[in-house]
């Protein structure tokens, strides 16, 4: 990743899955690490369940002046595996970019689908979310996978933003995030 530009992340999800919340939590955690960060959504009048995107930019040394959607991401995160067949998640993804996917498919299946030249990280976030949250809301679970695959922030930096956002529900979200962080499978670039 180019050190002179912010790290750019695009999250693909569906309305109501927490894509925007994920972006906000990661940005808050980055800011707590004295980095510069921004997070914002991209959606119109879509209804719950429609494809949406959220964006994150993180820079460790200087303020971020860009105020547009992420069209050339370093990292793509896919919350809903059904989007893999209807959205071009690799659109604009930089060479050697990272694709983080909520899927039950194998790393080999995902690599076959998208080709080499990327780093792949997979996790069955839906099962983990059901285990700890009782619902298939995977946003915080996928943050654990994102952190494992990218190292953009420390996992512990997310704890305070989680507590602030979710109150009593934060503990189970932390557990889901930690389990995803531990169990994410990664293949590709070193």
N, C-alpha and C. Protein backbone atom coordinates (compact mmCIF):
# COMPACT_ATOMS: atom_id res chain seq x y z
N UNK A 1 0.84 -1.18 0.00
CA UNK A 1 0.00 0.00 0.00
C UNK A 1 0.88 1.24 0.00
N UNK A 2 0.47 2.21 -0.75
CA UNK A 2 1.24 3.43 -0.90
C UNK A 2 1.20 4.24 0.40
N UNK A 3 2.38 4.48 0.97
CA UNK A 3 2.46 5.20 2.25
C UNK A 3 2.04 6.66 2.14
N UNK A 4 2.10 7.25 0.92
CA UNK A 4 1.78 8.66 0.79
C UNK A 4 0.27 8.91 0.70
N UNK A 5 -0.50 7.88 0.50
CA UNK A 5 -1.95 8.01 0.41
C UNK A 5 -2.60 7.31 1.60
N UNK A 6 -3.78 7.76 2.00
CA UNK A 6 -4.47 7.05 3.08
C UNK A 6 -4.83 5.63 2.62
N UNK A 7 -4.93 4.73 3.58
CA UNK A 7 -5.45 3.40 3.28
C UNK A 7 -6.94 3.56 3.03
N UNK A 8 -7.41 3.04 1.91
CA UNK A 8 -8.81 3.20 1.53
C UNK A 8 -9.51 1.84 1.60
N UNK A 9 -10.65 1.83 2.28
CA UNK A 9 -11.42 0.60 2.48
C UNK A 9 -12.84 0.83 2.00
N UNK A 10 -13.35 -0.15 1.25
CA UNK A 10 -14.75 -0.11 0.81
C UNK A 10 -15.44 -1.33 1.39
N UNK A 11 -16.56 -1.09 2.06
CA UNK A 11 -17.35 -2.16 2.67
C UNK A 11 -18.61 -2.34 1.84
N UNK A 12 -18.86 -3.58 1.45
CA UNK A 12 -20.08 -3.93 0.72
C UNK A 12 -20.99 -4.71 1.66
N UNK A 13 -22.22 -4.26 1.78
CA UNK A 13 -23.19 -4.96 2.60
C UNK A 13 -24.58 -4.69 2.07
N UNK A 14 -25.54 -5.01 2.88
CA UNK A 14 -26.94 -4.73 2.56
C UNK A 14 -27.48 -3.81 3.64
N UNK A 15 -28.45 -3.00 3.26
CA UNK A 15 -29.07 -2.08 4.22
C UNK A 15 -29.53 -2.82 5.45
N UNK A 16 -29.14 -2.34 6.62
CA UNK A 16 -29.53 -2.96 7.88
C UNK A 16 -28.51 -3.93 8.44
N UNK A 17 -27.43 -4.21 7.70
CA UNK A 17 -26.41 -5.16 8.18
C UNK A 17 -25.31 -4.49 8.99
N UNK A 18 -25.28 -3.19 9.03
CA UNK A 18 -24.29 -2.51 9.85
C UNK A 18 -23.03 -2.08 9.13
N UNK A 19 -23.07 -1.95 7.82
CA UNK A 19 -21.88 -1.49 7.07
C UNK A 19 -21.42 -0.13 7.56
N UNK A 20 -22.36 0.78 7.74
CA UNK A 20 -22.02 2.15 8.16
C UNK A 20 -21.46 2.13 9.58
N UNK A 21 -22.07 1.35 10.46
CA UNK A 21 -21.59 1.24 11.83
C UNK A 21 -20.17 0.68 11.84
N UNK A 22 -19.90 -0.32 11.02
CA UNK A 22 -18.55 -0.89 10.94
C UNK A 22 -17.54 0.19 10.58
N UNK A 23 -17.85 0.95 9.55
CA UNK A 23 -16.94 2.01 9.11
C UNK A 23 -16.69 3.01 10.23
N UNK A 24 -17.74 3.41 10.90
CA UNK A 24 -17.60 4.39 11.99
C UNK A 24 -16.74 3.84 13.13
N UNK A 25 -16.95 2.59 13.50
CA UNK A 25 -16.19 1.99 14.61
C UNK A 25 -14.70 1.89 14.27
N UNK A 26 -14.39 1.47 13.05
CA UNK A 26 -12.98 1.37 12.64
C UNK A 26 -12.33 2.75 12.63
N UNK A 27 -13.03 3.75 12.11
CA UNK A 27 -12.49 5.11 12.09
C UNK A 27 -12.26 5.63 13.51
N UNK A 28 -13.20 5.40 14.41
CA UNK A 28 -13.04 5.84 15.79
C UNK A 28 -11.84 5.16 16.45
N UNK A 29 -11.67 3.88 16.18
CA UNK A 29 -10.52 3.15 16.74
C UNK A 29 -9.21 3.71 16.19
N UNK A 30 -9.17 4.01 14.91
CA UNK A 30 -7.96 4.58 14.30
C UNK A 30 -7.64 5.93 14.92
N UNK A 31 -8.65 6.75 15.12
CA UNK A 31 -8.45 8.06 15.74
C UNK A 31 -7.92 7.91 17.16
N UNK A 32 -8.40 6.89 17.88
CA UNK A 32 -7.90 6.65 19.24
C UNK A 32 -6.43 6.26 19.25
N UNK A 33 -5.92 5.80 18.09
CA UNK A 33 -4.50 5.45 17.95
C UNK A 33 -3.70 6.64 17.39
N UNK A 34 -4.31 7.82 17.44
CA UNK A 34 -3.68 9.05 16.95
C UNK A 34 -3.44 9.04 15.44
N UNK A 35 -4.30 8.34 14.72
CA UNK A 35 -4.26 8.35 13.26
C UNK A 35 -5.37 9.28 12.78
N UNK A 36 -5.31 9.62 11.53
CA UNK A 36 -6.38 10.40 10.92
C UNK A 36 -7.32 9.41 10.23
N UNK A 37 -8.62 9.64 10.36
CA UNK A 37 -9.57 8.69 9.75
C UNK A 37 -10.87 9.39 9.40
N UNK A 38 -11.55 8.80 8.43
CA UNK A 38 -12.90 9.24 8.08
C UNK A 38 -13.71 8.02 7.70
N UNK A 39 -15.00 8.11 7.92
CA UNK A 39 -15.92 7.03 7.56
C UNK A 39 -17.22 7.65 7.10
N UNK A 40 -17.79 7.10 6.03
CA UNK A 40 -19.07 7.62 5.55
C UNK A 40 -19.74 6.59 4.65
N UNK A 41 -21.06 6.68 4.52
CA UNK A 41 -21.81 5.72 3.70
C UNK A 41 -22.02 6.23 2.28
N UNK A 42 -22.47 5.32 1.44
CA UNK A 42 -22.92 5.68 0.11
C UNK A 42 -24.20 4.90 -0.16
N UNK A 43 -25.30 5.59 -0.01
CA UNK A 43 -26.57 4.96 -0.34
C UNK A 43 -27.59 6.05 -0.60
N UNK A 44 -28.58 5.72 -1.36
CA UNK A 44 -29.66 6.65 -1.66
C UNK A 44 -30.90 6.21 -0.92
N UNK A 45 -32.01 6.18 -1.61
CA UNK A 45 -33.27 5.83 -0.96
C UNK A 45 -33.51 4.32 -0.86
N UNK A 46 -32.41 3.53 -0.93
CA UNK A 46 -32.57 2.07 -0.89
C UNK A 46 -33.29 1.63 0.36
N UNK A 47 -33.96 0.53 0.22
CA UNK A 47 -34.68 -0.06 1.35
C UNK A 47 -33.76 -1.03 2.08
N UNK A 48 -34.22 -1.46 3.24
CA UNK A 48 -33.51 -2.46 4.02
C UNK A 48 -33.26 -3.68 3.12
N UNK A 49 -32.03 -4.17 3.11
CA UNK A 49 -31.69 -5.33 2.31
C UNK A 49 -31.08 -5.00 0.95
N UNK A 50 -31.18 -3.75 0.53
CA UNK A 50 -30.58 -3.36 -0.76
C UNK A 50 -29.06 -3.22 -0.59
N UNK A 51 -28.29 -3.46 -1.65
CA UNK A 51 -26.83 -3.30 -1.55
C UNK A 51 -26.45 -1.85 -1.18
N UNK A 52 -25.52 -1.73 -0.24
CA UNK A 52 -25.00 -0.42 0.18
C UNK A 52 -23.48 -0.53 0.29
N UNK A 53 -22.85 0.62 0.33
CA UNK A 53 -21.41 0.68 0.55
C UNK A 53 -21.11 1.67 1.66
N UNK A 54 -20.03 1.40 2.36
CA UNK A 54 -19.51 2.36 3.33
C UNK A 54 -18.01 2.45 3.07
N UNK A 55 -17.44 3.59 3.42
CA UNK A 55 -16.04 3.84 3.11
C UNK A 55 -15.27 4.27 4.35
N UNK A 56 -14.00 3.88 4.37
CA UNK A 56 -13.09 4.28 5.45
C UNK A 56 -11.78 4.70 4.80
N UNK A 57 -11.21 5.76 5.33
CA UNK A 57 -9.84 6.13 4.97
C UNK A 57 -9.08 6.33 6.28
N UNK A 58 -7.85 5.83 6.30
CA UNK A 58 -6.99 5.95 7.48
C UNK A 58 -5.61 6.38 7.02
N UNK A 59 -5.07 7.39 7.69
CA UNK A 59 -3.72 7.85 7.40
C UNK A 59 -3.00 8.02 8.74
N UNK A 60 -1.83 7.46 8.84
CA UNK A 60 -1.12 7.53 10.12
C UNK A 60 -0.32 8.81 10.32
N UNK A 61 -0.19 9.64 9.26
CA UNK A 61 0.69 10.80 9.41
C UNK A 61 0.08 12.16 9.07
N UNK A 62 -1.01 12.19 8.29
CA UNK A 62 -1.51 13.52 7.91
C UNK A 62 -3.03 13.50 7.75
N UNK A 63 -3.64 14.69 7.87
CA UNK A 63 -5.10 14.78 7.70
C UNK A 63 -5.52 14.32 6.31
N UNK A 64 -6.72 13.81 6.22
CA UNK A 64 -7.26 13.31 4.96
C UNK A 64 -8.11 14.41 4.34
N UNK A 65 -7.76 14.81 3.16
CA UNK A 65 -8.46 15.91 2.48
C UNK A 65 -9.50 15.42 1.47
N UNK A 66 -9.42 14.17 1.08
CA UNK A 66 -10.35 13.61 0.08
C UNK A 66 -11.74 13.50 0.70
N UNK A 67 -12.75 13.92 -0.05
CA UNK A 67 -14.13 13.86 0.45
C UNK A 67 -15.05 13.18 -0.56
N UNK A 68 -14.57 12.11 -1.14
CA UNK A 68 -15.36 11.39 -2.15
C UNK A 68 -15.36 9.91 -1.80
N UNK A 69 -16.26 9.18 -2.41
CA UNK A 69 -16.33 7.74 -2.21
C UNK A 69 -15.02 7.07 -2.61
N UNK A 70 -14.78 5.90 -2.07
CA UNK A 70 -13.58 5.14 -2.37
C UNK A 70 -13.80 4.36 -3.66
N UNK A 71 -13.10 4.77 -4.71
CA UNK A 71 -13.21 4.08 -6.00
C UNK A 71 -12.01 3.19 -6.29
N UNK A 72 -10.91 3.42 -5.58
CA UNK A 72 -9.70 2.61 -5.75
C UNK A 72 -9.25 2.11 -4.38
N UNK A 73 -10.00 1.14 -3.84
CA UNK A 73 -9.69 0.68 -2.48
C UNK A 73 -8.42 -0.17 -2.40
N UNK A 74 -7.79 -0.13 -1.24
CA UNK A 74 -6.71 -1.05 -0.90
C UNK A 74 -7.31 -2.34 -0.35
N UNK A 75 -8.47 -2.19 0.29
CA UNK A 75 -9.14 -3.31 0.96
C UNK A 75 -10.62 -3.25 0.65
N UNK A 76 -11.19 -4.42 0.38
CA UNK A 76 -12.64 -4.55 0.20
C UNK A 76 -13.14 -5.55 1.24
N UNK A 77 -14.22 -5.19 1.92
CA UNK A 77 -14.84 -6.07 2.91
C UNK A 77 -16.26 -6.38 2.43
N UNK A 78 -16.61 -7.66 2.42
CA UNK A 78 -17.93 -8.08 1.95
C UNK A 78 -18.68 -8.74 3.11
N UNK A 79 -19.71 -8.05 3.60
CA UNK A 79 -20.49 -8.57 4.72
C UNK A 79 -21.46 -9.67 4.32
N UNK A 80 -22.00 -9.57 3.11
CA UNK A 80 -23.03 -10.50 2.66
C UNK A 80 -22.53 -11.28 1.45
N UNK A 81 -22.33 -12.60 1.59
CA UNK A 81 -21.78 -13.38 0.48
C UNK A 81 -22.66 -13.39 -0.77
N UNK A 82 -23.94 -13.11 -0.64
CA UNK A 82 -24.80 -13.08 -1.83
C UNK A 82 -24.42 -11.94 -2.77
N UNK A 83 -23.71 -10.94 -2.26
CA UNK A 83 -23.29 -9.81 -3.08
C UNK A 83 -22.17 -10.20 -4.06
N UNK A 84 -21.48 -11.29 -3.78
CA UNK A 84 -20.37 -11.71 -4.64
C UNK A 84 -20.83 -11.98 -6.07
N UNK A 85 -22.09 -12.36 -6.23
CA UNK A 85 -22.62 -12.67 -7.56
C UNK A 85 -23.35 -11.51 -8.22
N UNK A 86 -23.57 -10.42 -7.48
CA UNK A 86 -24.34 -9.31 -8.07
C UNK A 86 -23.62 -7.97 -8.07
N UNK A 87 -22.50 -7.87 -7.35
CA UNK A 87 -21.74 -6.62 -7.28
C UNK A 87 -20.29 -6.93 -7.67
N UNK A 88 -19.69 -6.08 -8.46
CA UNK A 88 -18.28 -6.24 -8.82
C UNK A 88 -17.44 -5.70 -7.67
N UNK A 89 -17.18 -6.55 -6.70
CA UNK A 89 -16.46 -6.09 -5.50
C UNK A 89 -15.00 -5.74 -5.79
N UNK A 90 -14.45 -6.24 -6.89
CA UNK A 90 -13.06 -5.93 -7.21
C UNK A 90 -12.91 -4.66 -8.04
N UNK A 91 -14.02 -4.01 -8.35
CA UNK A 91 -13.96 -2.78 -9.15
C UNK A 91 -13.01 -1.78 -8.50
N UNK A 92 -11.96 -1.42 -9.22
CA UNK A 92 -11.00 -0.43 -8.73
C UNK A 92 -10.03 -0.94 -7.69
N UNK A 93 -10.18 -2.18 -7.23
CA UNK A 93 -9.31 -2.70 -6.18
C UNK A 93 -7.86 -2.69 -6.66
N UNK A 94 -7.01 -2.08 -5.86
CA UNK A 94 -5.61 -1.95 -6.24
C UNK A 94 -4.93 -3.31 -6.34
N UNK A 95 -3.94 -3.38 -7.22
CA UNK A 95 -3.13 -4.59 -7.34
C UNK A 95 -2.58 -4.91 -5.96
N UNK A 96 -2.58 -6.15 -5.58
CA UNK A 96 -2.15 -6.61 -4.27
C UNK A 96 -3.11 -6.20 -3.16
N UNK A 97 -4.34 -5.83 -3.53
CA UNK A 97 -5.33 -5.46 -2.54
C UNK A 97 -5.79 -6.65 -1.71
N UNK A 98 -6.56 -6.35 -0.68
CA UNK A 98 -7.06 -7.38 0.24
C UNK A 98 -8.57 -7.48 0.08
N UNK A 99 -9.05 -8.71 -0.05
CA UNK A 99 -10.49 -8.98 -0.10
C UNK A 99 -10.84 -9.78 1.14
N UNK A 100 -11.72 -9.25 1.98
CA UNK A 100 -12.15 -9.90 3.22
C UNK A 100 -13.62 -10.28 3.03
N UNK A 101 -13.93 -11.57 3.11
CA UNK A 101 -15.27 -12.04 2.76
C UNK A 101 -15.89 -12.87 3.88
N UNK A 102 -17.14 -12.61 4.16
CA UNK A 102 -17.97 -13.46 5.00
C UNK A 102 -18.47 -14.59 4.10
N UNK A 103 -17.96 -15.79 4.30
CA UNK A 103 -18.33 -16.89 3.43
C UNK A 103 -18.08 -18.23 4.11
N UNK A 104 -18.80 -19.23 3.64
CA UNK A 104 -18.52 -20.62 4.04
C UNK A 104 -17.64 -21.29 3.00
N UNK A 105 -17.40 -20.61 1.87
CA UNK A 105 -16.54 -21.16 0.81
C UNK A 105 -15.11 -21.25 1.29
N UNK A 106 -14.30 -22.05 0.60
CA UNK A 106 -12.89 -22.19 0.93
C UNK A 106 -12.10 -21.02 0.33
N UNK A 107 -10.88 -20.86 0.82
CA UNK A 107 -9.99 -19.86 0.25
C UNK A 107 -9.75 -20.13 -1.23
N UNK A 108 -9.61 -21.39 -1.57
CA UNK A 108 -9.38 -21.76 -2.96
C UNK A 108 -10.56 -21.37 -3.84
N UNK A 109 -11.78 -21.58 -3.34
CA UNK A 109 -12.98 -21.21 -4.10
C UNK A 109 -13.03 -19.70 -4.34
N UNK A 110 -12.71 -18.94 -3.31
CA UNK A 110 -12.73 -17.47 -3.44
C UNK A 110 -11.63 -17.01 -4.39
N UNK A 111 -10.45 -17.61 -4.29
CA UNK A 111 -9.37 -17.22 -5.20
C UNK A 111 -9.73 -17.57 -6.65
N UNK A 112 -10.35 -18.73 -6.86
CA UNK A 112 -10.79 -19.09 -8.22
C UNK A 112 -11.78 -18.07 -8.76
N UNK A 113 -12.65 -17.61 -7.89
CA UNK A 113 -13.69 -16.67 -8.31
C UNK A 113 -13.10 -15.31 -8.72
N UNK A 114 -12.07 -14.86 -8.01
CA UNK A 114 -11.53 -13.50 -8.22
C UNK A 114 -10.14 -13.47 -8.81
N UNK A 115 -9.49 -14.60 -8.96
CA UNK A 115 -8.16 -14.64 -9.56
C UNK A 115 -7.06 -14.32 -8.57
N UNK A 116 -5.84 -14.53 -9.01
CA UNK A 116 -4.71 -14.25 -8.13
C UNK A 116 -4.39 -12.75 -8.20
N UNK A 117 -3.42 -12.34 -7.44
CA UNK A 117 -3.06 -10.93 -7.43
C UNK A 117 -3.66 -10.18 -6.26
N UNK A 118 -4.45 -10.88 -5.45
CA UNK A 118 -5.05 -10.28 -4.26
C UNK A 118 -4.69 -11.14 -3.05
N UNK A 119 -4.83 -10.56 -1.89
CA UNK A 119 -4.75 -11.30 -0.64
C UNK A 119 -6.20 -11.57 -0.23
N UNK A 120 -6.49 -12.78 0.15
CA UNK A 120 -7.86 -13.15 0.52
C UNK A 120 -7.94 -13.50 2.00
N UNK A 121 -8.99 -13.04 2.64
CA UNK A 121 -9.25 -13.40 4.03
C UNK A 121 -10.71 -13.81 4.11
N UNK A 122 -10.95 -14.99 4.67
CA UNK A 122 -12.34 -15.46 4.77
C UNK A 122 -12.67 -15.84 6.20
N UNK A 123 -13.94 -15.70 6.51
CA UNK A 123 -14.46 -16.09 7.82
C UNK A 123 -15.95 -16.35 7.66
N UNK A 124 -16.44 -17.35 8.36
CA UNK A 124 -17.89 -17.59 8.40
C UNK A 124 -18.45 -16.70 9.51
N UNK A 125 -18.56 -15.43 9.20
CA UNK A 125 -19.00 -14.43 10.18
C UNK A 125 -20.45 -14.64 10.58
N UNK A 126 -21.25 -15.16 9.69
CA UNK A 126 -22.67 -15.38 10.00
C UNK A 126 -22.81 -16.36 11.15
N UNK A 127 -22.07 -17.47 11.11
CA UNK A 127 -22.15 -18.47 12.19
C UNK A 127 -21.66 -17.89 13.51
N UNK A 128 -20.57 -17.11 13.46
CA UNK A 128 -20.04 -16.49 14.69
C UNK A 128 -21.04 -15.49 15.25
N UNK A 129 -21.64 -14.69 14.39
CA UNK A 129 -22.63 -13.70 14.86
C UNK A 129 -23.82 -14.41 15.51
N UNK A 130 -24.28 -15.48 14.89
CA UNK A 130 -25.40 -16.23 15.49
C UNK A 130 -25.00 -16.79 16.87
N UNK A 131 -23.77 -17.26 16.97
CA UNK A 131 -23.29 -17.85 18.22
C UNK A 131 -23.27 -16.82 19.35
N UNK A 132 -22.74 -15.65 19.09
CA UNK A 132 -22.55 -14.67 20.16
C UNK A 132 -23.65 -13.62 20.25
N UNK A 133 -24.30 -13.32 19.14
CA UNK A 133 -25.30 -12.25 19.13
C UNK A 133 -26.72 -12.78 18.96
N UNK A 134 -26.84 -14.04 18.57
CA UNK A 134 -28.16 -14.62 18.37
C UNK A 134 -28.83 -14.18 17.09
N UNK A 135 -28.12 -13.43 16.26
CA UNK A 135 -28.66 -12.90 15.01
C UNK A 135 -27.55 -12.87 13.97
N UNK A 136 -27.90 -12.92 12.70
CA UNK A 136 -26.87 -12.90 11.66
C UNK A 136 -26.40 -11.50 11.27
N UNK A 137 -26.18 -10.65 12.27
CA UNK A 137 -25.68 -9.30 12.01
C UNK A 137 -24.17 -9.37 12.18
N UNK A 138 -23.45 -9.27 11.05
CA UNK A 138 -22.03 -9.63 11.02
C UNK A 138 -21.06 -8.46 11.07
N UNK A 139 -21.55 -7.24 11.23
CA UNK A 139 -20.65 -6.10 11.10
C UNK A 139 -19.47 -6.14 12.07
N UNK A 140 -19.69 -6.34 13.34
CA UNK A 140 -18.57 -6.33 14.28
C UNK A 140 -17.70 -7.57 14.10
N UNK A 141 -18.31 -8.68 13.73
CA UNK A 141 -17.56 -9.89 13.47
C UNK A 141 -16.58 -9.66 12.31
N UNK A 142 -17.07 -9.02 11.27
CA UNK A 142 -16.22 -8.76 10.10
C UNK A 142 -15.11 -7.75 10.39
N UNK A 143 -15.31 -6.89 11.38
CA UNK A 143 -14.23 -5.99 11.78
C UNK A 143 -13.05 -6.81 12.30
N UNK A 144 -13.35 -7.87 13.06
CA UNK A 144 -12.28 -8.74 13.55
C UNK A 144 -11.48 -9.34 12.40
N UNK A 145 -12.19 -9.77 11.35
CA UNK A 145 -11.51 -10.34 10.18
C UNK A 145 -10.70 -9.28 9.45
N UNK A 146 -11.25 -8.08 9.32
CA UNK A 146 -10.55 -6.98 8.66
C UNK A 146 -9.25 -6.66 9.39
N UNK A 147 -9.30 -6.56 10.70
CA UNK A 147 -8.11 -6.23 11.49
C UNK A 147 -7.07 -7.34 11.34
N UNK A 148 -7.51 -8.58 11.38
CA UNK A 148 -6.57 -9.72 11.23
C UNK A 148 -5.89 -9.68 9.86
N UNK A 149 -6.66 -9.41 8.82
CA UNK A 149 -6.12 -9.45 7.45
C UNK A 149 -5.25 -8.25 7.12
N UNK A 150 -5.50 -7.12 7.76
CA UNK A 150 -4.83 -5.89 7.35
C UNK A 150 -3.88 -5.29 8.38
N UNK A 151 -4.15 -5.50 9.66
CA UNK A 151 -3.35 -4.88 10.70
C UNK A 151 -3.45 -3.37 10.74
N UNK A 152 -4.52 -2.80 10.17
CA UNK A 152 -4.65 -1.34 10.09
C UNK A 152 -4.80 -0.66 11.44
N UNK A 153 -5.37 -1.39 12.40
CA UNK A 153 -5.51 -0.89 13.77
C UNK A 153 -5.33 -2.08 14.71
N UNK A 154 -5.22 -1.79 15.99
CA UNK A 154 -5.15 -2.86 17.00
C UNK A 154 -6.58 -3.26 17.37
N UNK A 155 -6.78 -4.53 17.56
CA UNK A 155 -8.10 -5.02 17.94
C UNK A 155 -8.60 -4.34 19.22
N UNK A 156 -7.70 -4.16 20.17
CA UNK A 156 -8.07 -3.56 21.46
C UNK A 156 -8.57 -2.13 21.30
N UNK A 157 -8.15 -1.45 20.25
CA UNK A 157 -8.58 -0.06 20.03
C UNK A 157 -10.06 0.02 19.70
N UNK A 158 -10.66 -1.10 19.35
CA UNK A 158 -12.09 -1.12 19.03
C UNK A 158 -12.98 -1.27 20.26
N UNK A 159 -12.40 -1.68 21.37
CA UNK A 159 -13.22 -2.00 22.54
C UNK A 159 -14.00 -0.79 23.06
N UNK A 160 -13.33 0.35 23.21
CA UNK A 160 -14.03 1.54 23.72
C UNK A 160 -15.14 1.99 22.76
N UNK A 161 -14.86 2.12 21.44
CA UNK A 161 -15.95 2.48 20.53
C UNK A 161 -17.13 1.49 20.58
N UNK A 162 -16.82 0.20 20.73
CA UNK A 162 -17.89 -0.81 20.84
C UNK A 162 -18.73 -0.56 22.10
N UNK A 163 -18.06 -0.30 23.22
CA UNK A 163 -18.78 -0.06 24.48
C UNK A 163 -19.65 1.19 24.37
N UNK A 164 -19.10 2.21 23.76
CA UNK A 164 -19.84 3.46 23.60
C UNK A 164 -21.07 3.27 22.70
N UNK A 165 -20.89 2.50 21.64
CA UNK A 165 -21.97 2.31 20.65
C UNK A 165 -23.04 1.32 21.13
N UNK A 166 -22.60 0.21 21.74
CA UNK A 166 -23.52 -0.89 22.04
C UNK A 166 -23.86 -1.07 23.51
N UNK A 167 -23.23 -0.34 24.40
CA UNK A 167 -23.55 -0.46 25.82
C UNK A 167 -23.42 -1.89 26.31
N UNK A 168 -24.51 -2.42 26.88
CA UNK A 168 -24.50 -3.77 27.45
C UNK A 168 -24.24 -4.85 26.40
N UNK A 169 -24.56 -4.56 25.16
CA UNK A 169 -24.37 -5.54 24.09
C UNK A 169 -22.92 -5.59 23.60
N UNK A 170 -22.09 -4.68 24.07
CA UNK A 170 -20.70 -4.60 23.60
C UNK A 170 -19.92 -5.87 23.89
N UNK A 171 -20.15 -6.48 25.04
CA UNK A 171 -19.35 -7.65 25.42
C UNK A 171 -19.50 -8.79 24.42
N UNK A 172 -20.72 -9.08 24.01
CA UNK A 172 -20.92 -10.15 23.03
C UNK A 172 -20.36 -9.77 21.67
N UNK A 173 -20.43 -8.50 21.31
CA UNK A 173 -19.83 -8.03 20.06
C UNK A 173 -18.31 -8.19 20.12
N UNK A 174 -17.71 -7.90 21.27
CA UNK A 174 -16.26 -8.09 21.43
C UNK A 174 -15.90 -9.56 21.25
N UNK A 175 -16.69 -10.44 21.86
CA UNK A 175 -16.41 -11.87 21.74
C UNK A 175 -16.49 -12.33 20.29
N UNK A 176 -17.50 -11.86 19.57
CA UNK A 176 -17.64 -12.23 18.15
C UNK A 176 -16.47 -11.70 17.35
N UNK A 177 -16.07 -10.47 17.61
CA UNK A 177 -14.95 -9.86 16.91
C UNK A 177 -13.65 -10.62 17.19
N UNK A 178 -13.41 -10.96 18.45
CA UNK A 178 -12.20 -11.70 18.82
C UNK A 178 -12.16 -13.08 18.16
N UNK A 179 -13.30 -13.77 18.16
CA UNK A 179 -13.33 -15.10 17.56
C UNK A 179 -13.05 -15.01 16.06
N UNK A 180 -13.63 -14.02 15.39
CA UNK A 180 -13.37 -13.84 13.96
C UNK A 180 -11.90 -13.51 13.73
N UNK A 181 -11.34 -12.67 14.58
CA UNK A 181 -9.93 -12.30 14.46
C UNK A 181 -9.04 -13.55 14.57
N UNK A 182 -9.36 -14.43 15.50
CA UNK A 182 -8.58 -15.64 15.69
C UNK A 182 -8.77 -16.66 14.57
N UNK A 183 -9.97 -16.73 13.97
CA UNK A 183 -10.30 -17.80 13.04
C UNK A 183 -10.27 -17.40 11.57
N UNK A 184 -9.96 -16.16 11.26
CA UNK A 184 -9.91 -15.74 9.86
C UNK A 184 -8.79 -16.47 9.15
N UNK A 185 -9.11 -17.02 8.00
CA UNK A 185 -8.12 -17.72 7.17
C UNK A 185 -7.64 -16.75 6.10
N UNK A 186 -6.35 -16.72 5.90
CA UNK A 186 -5.76 -15.75 4.95
C UNK A 186 -4.89 -16.50 3.94
N UNK A 187 -4.98 -16.05 2.70
CA UNK A 187 -4.15 -16.62 1.64
C UNK A 187 -3.73 -15.51 0.69
N UNK A 188 -2.55 -15.67 0.15
CA UNK A 188 -2.12 -14.71 -0.86
C UNK A 188 -0.83 -14.04 -0.51
N UNK A 189 -0.83 -12.77 -0.68
CA UNK A 189 0.39 -11.99 -0.53
C UNK A 189 0.94 -12.10 0.88
N UNK A 190 2.25 -12.02 0.98
CA UNK A 190 2.86 -12.13 2.30
C UNK A 190 2.84 -10.81 3.03
